[in-house]
Amino acid sequence: MFEDEPTKKTKVDLELLSVDELKARIETLKADIAACEAEIHKKQAHKSAAEDIFKT
């Protein structure tokens, strides 16, 4: 297995979580989404810069 490969996460049974645990999970997921969106913007900027360099 390669280090860059994402690990498979097991499905969480949300019914077993308390309201506070669910709220904490939502905050964690929102932070993960923000990190993913930031990485997307970074990669798009790098791609645009590379495309500008190699334009004819």
PDB file of N, CA and C in Angstrom:
ATOM      1  N   MET A   1       0.839  -1.179   0.000  1.00  0.00           N
ATOM      2  CA  MET A   1       0.000   0.000   0.000  1.00  0.00           C
ATOM      3  C   MET A   1       0.891   1.251   0.000  1.00  0.00           C
ATOM      4  N   PHE A   2       0.553   2.231  -0.796  1.00  0.00           N
ATOM      5  CA  PHE A   2       1.305   3.477  -0.868  1.00  0.00           C
ATOM      6  C   PHE A   2       0.867   4.415   0.236  1.00  0.00           C
ATOM      7  N   GLU A   3       1.795   5.274   0.682  1.00  0.00           N
ATOM      8  CA  GLU A   3       1.473   6.218   1.745  1.00  0.00           C
ATOM      9  C   GLU A   3       0.439   7.242   1.329  1.00  0.00           C
ATOM     10  N   ASP A   4       0.424   7.626   0.060  1.00  0.00           N
ATOM     11  CA  ASP A   4      -0.493   8.662  -0.411  1.00  0.00           C
ATOM     12  C   ASP A   4      -1.917   8.153  -0.611  1.00  0.00           C
ATOM     13  N   GLU A   5      -2.099   6.839  -0.588  1.00  0.00           N
ATOM     14  CA  GLU A   5      -3.424   6.293  -0.782  1.00  0.00           C
ATOM     15  C   GLU A   5      -4.272   6.543   0.463  1.00  0.00           C
ATOM     16  N   PRO A   6      -5.479   7.050   0.260  1.00  0.00           N
ATOM     17  CA  PRO A   6      -6.335   7.263   1.434  1.00  0.00           C
ATOM     18  C   PRO A   6      -6.736   5.928   2.052  1.00  0.00           C
ATOM     19  N   THR A   7      -6.836   5.907   3.360  1.00  0.00           N
ATOM     20  CA  THR A   7      -7.256   4.685   4.022  1.00  0.00           C
ATOM     21  C   THR A   7      -8.773   4.591   3.966  1.00  0.00           C
ATOM     22  N   LYS A   8      -9.266   3.381   3.872  1.00  0.00           N
ATOM     23  CA  LYS A   8     -10.711   3.175   3.857  1.00  0.00           C
ATOM     24  C   LYS A   8     -11.233   3.387   5.268  1.00  0.00           C
ATOM     25  N   LYS A   9     -12.264   4.209   5.380  1.00  0.00           N
ATOM     26  CA  LYS A   9     -12.860   4.453   6.678  1.00  0.00           C
ATOM     27  C   LYS A   9     -14.104   3.603   6.816  1.00  0.00           C
ATOM     28  N   THR A  10     -14.272   3.056   7.996  1.00  0.00           N
ATOM     29  CA  THR A  10     -15.465   2.257   8.229  1.00  0.00           C
ATOM     30  C   THR A  10     -16.649   3.184   8.457  1.00  0.00           C
ATOM     31  N   LYS A  11     -17.802   2.726   8.071  1.00  0.00           N
ATOM     32  CA  LYS A  11     -19.020   3.518   8.214  1.00  0.00           C
ATOM     33  C   LYS A  11     -19.380   3.630   9.695  1.00  0.00           C
ATOM     34  N   VAL A  12     -19.714   4.830  10.109  1.00  0.00           N
ATOM     35  CA  VAL A  12     -20.087   5.082  11.492  1.00  0.00           C
ATOM     36  C   VAL A  12     -21.602   4.981  11.614  1.00  0.00           C
ATOM     37  N   ASP A  13     -22.060   4.266  12.629  1.00  0.00           N
ATOM     38  CA  ASP A  13     -23.493   4.168  12.897  1.00  0.00           C
ATOM     39  C   ASP A  13     -23.893   5.425  13.666  1.00  0.00           C
ATOM     40  N   LEU A  14     -24.468   6.372  12.949  1.00  0.00           N
ATOM     41  CA  LEU A  14     -24.808   7.664  13.543  1.00  0.00           C
ATOM     42  C   LEU A  14     -25.836   7.554  14.656  1.00  0.00           C
ATOM     43  N   GLU A  15     -26.646   6.512  14.629  1.00  0.00           N
ATOM     44  CA  GLU A  15     -27.655   6.336  15.667  1.00  0.00           C
ATOM     45  C   GLU A  15     -27.035   6.099  17.041  1.00  0.00           C
ATOM     46  N   LEU A  16     -25.792   5.636  17.058  1.00  0.00           N
ATOM     47  CA  LEU A  16     -25.125   5.352  18.330  1.00  0.00           C
ATOM     48  C   LEU A  16     -24.501   6.599  18.952  1.00  0.00           C
ATOM     49  N   LEU A  17     -24.429   7.703  18.200  1.00  0.00           N
ATOM     50  CA  LEU A  17     -23.780   8.916  18.682  1.00  0.00           C
ATOM     51  C   LEU A  17     -24.774   9.835  19.369  1.00  0.00           C
ATOM     52  N   SER A  18     -24.289  10.534  20.386  1.00  0.00           N
ATOM     53  CA  SER A  18     -25.116  11.518  21.075  1.00  0.00           C
ATOM     54  C   SER A  18     -25.209  12.781  20.224  1.00  0.00           C
ATOM     55  N   VAL A  19     -26.077  13.690  20.642  1.00  0.00           N
ATOM     56  CA  VAL A  19     -26.219  14.963  19.930  1.00  0.00           C
ATOM     57  C   VAL A  19     -24.887  15.707  19.932  1.00  0.00           C
ATOM     58  N   ASP A  20     -24.218  15.749  21.095  1.00  0.00           N
ATOM     59  CA  ASP A  20     -22.932  16.443  21.177  1.00  0.00           C
ATOM     60  C   ASP A  20     -21.879  15.784  20.282  1.00  0.00           C
ATOM     61  N   GLU A  21     -21.879  14.460  20.234  1.00  0.00           N
ATOM     62  CA  GLU A  21     -20.935  13.752  19.361  1.00  0.00           C
ATOM     63  C   GLU A  21     -21.237  14.030  17.891  1.00  0.00           C
ATOM     64  N   LEU A  22     -22.504  14.101  17.552  1.00  0.00           N
ATOM     65  CA  LEU A  22     -22.881  14.417  16.170  1.00  0.00           C
ATOM     66  C   LEU A  22     -22.453  15.834  15.798  1.00  0.00           C
ATOM     67  N   LYS A  23     -22.639  16.781  16.707  1.00  0.00           N
ATOM     68  CA  LYS A  23     -22.217  18.164  16.451  1.00  0.00           C
ATOM     69  C   LYS A  23     -20.706  18.245  16.281  1.00  0.00           C
ATOM     70  N   ALA A  24     -19.978  17.517  17.110  1.00  0.00           N
ATOM     71  CA  ALA A  24     -18.515  17.503  16.989  1.00  0.00           C
ATOM     72  C   ALA A  24     -18.090  16.881  15.669  1.00  0.00           C
ATOM     73  N   ARG A  25     -18.786  15.829  15.269  1.00  0.00           N
ATOM     74  CA  ARG A  25     -18.474  15.176  13.986  1.00  0.00           C
ATOM     75  C   ARG A  25     -18.723  16.128  12.819  1.00  0.00           C
ATOM     76  N   ILE A  26     -19.810  16.888  12.894  1.00  0.00           N
ATOM     77  CA  ILE A  26     -20.116  17.863  11.847  1.00  0.00           C
ATOM     78  C   ILE A  26     -19.006  18.902  11.755  1.00  0.00           C
ATOM     79  N   GLU A  27     -18.529  19.387  12.889  1.00  0.00           N
ATOM     80  CA  GLU A  27     -17.449  20.376  12.877  1.00  0.00           C
ATOM     81  C   GLU A  27     -16.170  19.797  12.281  1.00  0.00           C
ATOM     82  N   THR A  28     -15.877  18.550  12.606  1.00  0.00           N
ATOM     83  CA  THR A  28     -14.699  17.885  12.032  1.00  0.00           C
ATOM     84  C   THR A  28     -14.848  17.736  10.524  1.00  0.00           C
ATOM     85  N   LEU A  29     -16.025  17.333  10.091  1.00  0.00           N
ATOM     86  CA  LEU A  29     -16.268  17.168   8.656  1.00  0.00           C
ATOM     87  C   LEU A  29     -16.186  18.502   7.921  1.00  0.00           C
ATOM     88  N   LYS A  30     -16.708  19.574   8.534  1.00  0.00           N
ATOM     89  CA  LYS A  30     -16.606  20.904   7.921  1.00  0.00           C
ATOM     90  C   LYS A  30     -15.152  21.319   7.766  1.00  0.00           C
ATOM     91  N   ALA A  31     -14.323  21.020   8.766  1.00  0.00           N
ATOM     92  CA  ALA A  31     -12.893  21.347   8.677  1.00  0.00           C
ATOM     93  C   ALA A  31     -12.230  20.536   7.570  1.00  0.00           C
ATOM     94  N   ASP A  32     -12.605  19.269   7.442  1.00  0.00           N
ATOM     95  CA  ASP A  32     -12.062  18.427   6.372  1.00  0.00           C
ATOM     96  C   ASP A  32     -12.468  18.957   4.998  1.00  0.00           C
ATOM     97  N   ILE A  33     -13.719  19.385   4.876  1.00  0.00           N
ATOM     98  CA  ILE A  33     -14.203  19.945   3.610  1.00  0.00           C
ATOM     99  C   ILE A  33     -13.430  21.213   3.264  1.00  0.00           C
ATOM    100  N   ALA A  34     -13.220  22.083   4.247  1.00  0.00           N
ATOM    101  CA  ALA A  34     -12.466  23.323   4.009  1.00  0.00           C
ATOM    102  C   ALA A  34     -11.043  23.002   3.562  1.00  0.00           C
ATOM    103  N   ALA A  35     -10.426  22.003   4.174  1.00  0.00           N
ATOM    104  CA  ALA A  35      -9.072  21.610   3.783  1.00  0.00           C
ATOM    105  C   ALA A  35      -9.058  21.069   2.348  1.00  0.00           C
ATOM    106  N   CYS A  36     -10.062  20.292   1.998  1.00  0.00           N
ATOM    107  CA  CYS A  36     -10.151  19.766   0.630  1.00  0.00           C
ATOM    108  C   CYS A  36     -10.349  20.893  -0.377  1.00  0.00           C
ATOM    109  N   GLU A  37     -11.217  21.843  -0.049  1.00  0.00           N
ATOM    110  CA  GLU A  37     -11.454  22.966  -0.960  1.00  0.00           C
ATOM    111  C   GLU A  37     -10.193  23.810  -1.137  1.00  0.00           C
ATOM    112  N   ALA A  38      -9.437  24.005  -0.064  1.00  0.00           N
ATOM    113  CA  ALA A  38      -8.186  24.760  -0.156  1.00  0.00           C
ATOM    114  C   ALA A  38      -7.189  24.026  -1.054  1.00  0.00           C
ATOM    115  N   GLU A  39      -7.129  22.716  -0.920  1.00  0.00           N
ATOM    116  CA  GLU A  39      -6.215  21.928  -1.756  1.00  0.00           C
ATOM    117  C   GLU A  39      -6.637  21.978  -3.221  1.00  0.00           C
ATOM    118  N   ILE A  40      -7.931  21.954  -3.477  1.00  0.00           N
ATOM    119  CA  ILE A  40      -8.434  22.068  -4.850  1.00  0.00           C
ATOM    120  C   ILE A  40      -8.012  23.399  -5.456  1.00  0.00           C
ATOM    121  N   HIS A  41      -8.190  24.483  -4.712  1.00  0.00           N
ATOM    122  CA  HIS A  41      -7.809  25.802  -5.218  1.00  0.00           C
ATOM    123  C   HIS A  41      -6.307  25.876  -5.486  1.00  0.00           C
ATOM    124  N   LYS A  42      -5.523  25.276  -4.598  1.00  0.00           N
ATOM    125  CA  LYS A  42      -4.066  25.268  -4.773  1.00  0.00           C
ATOM    126  C   LYS A  42      -3.686  24.503  -6.043  1.00  0.00           C
ATOM    127  N   LYS A  43      -4.297  23.350  -6.239  1.00  0.00           N
ATOM    128  CA  LYS A  43      -3.982  22.536  -7.418  1.00  0.00           C
ATOM    129  C   LYS A  43      -4.447  23.214  -8.708  1.00  0.00           C
ATOM    130  N   GLN A  44      -5.592  23.871  -8.655  1.00  0.00           N
ATOM    131  CA  GLN A  44      -6.074  24.579  -9.837  1.00  0.00           C
ATOM    132  C   GLN A  44      -5.148  25.739 -10.176  1.00  0.00           C
ATOM    133  N   ALA A  45      -4.636  26.426  -9.154  1.00  0.00           N
ATOM    134  CA  ALA A  45      -3.705  27.526  -9.396  1.00  0.00           C
ATOM    135  C   ALA A  45      -2.411  27.012 -10.018  1.00  0.00           C
ATOM    136  N   HIS A  46      -1.907  25.879  -9.520  1.00  0.00           N
ATOM    137  CA  HIS A  46      -0.686  25.298 -10.095  1.00  0.00           C
ATOM    138  C   HIS A  46      -0.919  24.874 -11.542  1.00  0.00           C
ATOM    139  N   LYS A  47      -2.089  24.286 -11.797  1.00  0.00           N
ATOM    140  CA  LYS A  47      -2.406  23.842 -13.156  1.00  0.00           C
ATOM    141  C   LYS A  47      -2.496  25.043 -14.096  1.00  0.00           C
ATOM    142  N   SER A  48      -3.153  26.106 -13.653  1.00  0.00           N
ATOM    143  CA  SER A  48      -3.278  27.309 -14.479  1.00  0.00           C
ATOM    144  C   SER A  48      -1.913  27.920 -14.768  1.00  0.00           C
ATOM    145  N   ALA A  49      -1.053  27.941 -13.752  1.00  0.00           N
ATOM    146  CA  ALA A  49       0.291  28.488 -13.943  1.00  0.00           C
ATOM    147  C   ALA A  49       1.072  27.652 -14.946  1.00  0.00           C
ATOM    148  N   ALA A  50       0.959  26.346 -14.850  1.00  0.00           N
ATOM    149  CA  ALA A  50       1.662  25.457 -15.796  1.00  0.00           C
ATOM    150  C   ALA A  50       1.098  25.637 -17.207  1.00  0.00           C
ATOM    151  N   GLU A  51      -0.201  25.765 -17.333  1.00  0.00           N
ATOM    152  CA  GLU A  51      -0.800  25.966 -18.646  1.00  0.00           C
ATOM    153  C   GLU A  51      -0.349  27.299 -19.254  1.00  0.00           C
ATOM    154  N   ASP A  52      -0.221  28.325 -18.434  1.00  0.00           N
ATOM    155  CA  ASP A  52       0.252  29.622 -18.926  1.00  0.00           C
ATOM    156  C   ASP A  52       1.685  29.552 -19.422  1.00  0.00           C
ATOM    157  N   ILE A  53       2.503  28.769 -18.765  1.00  0.00           N
ATOM    158  CA  ILE A  53       3.907  28.624 -19.165  1.00  0.00           C
ATOM    159  C   ILE A  53       4.004  27.947 -20.528  1.00  0.00           C
ATOM    160  N   PHE A  54       3.189  26.945 -20.750  1.00  0.00           N
ATOM    161  CA  PHE A  54       3.290  26.136 -21.968  1.00  0.00           C
ATOM    162  C   PHE A  54       2.348  26.565 -23.073  1.00  0.00           C
ATOM    163  N   LYS A  55       1.684  27.724 -22.917  1.00  0.00           N
ATOM    164  CA  LYS A  55       0.833  28.224 -23.993  1.00  0.00           C
ATOM    165  C   LYS A  55       1.658  28.577 -25.202  1.00  0.00           C
ATOM    166  N   THR A  56       1.080  28.369 -26.364  1.00  0.00           N
ATOM    167  CA  THR A  56       1.802  28.705 -27.606  1.00  0.00           C
ATOM    168  C   THR A  56       1.214  29.940 -28.228  1.00  0.00           C
TER     169      THR A  56
END
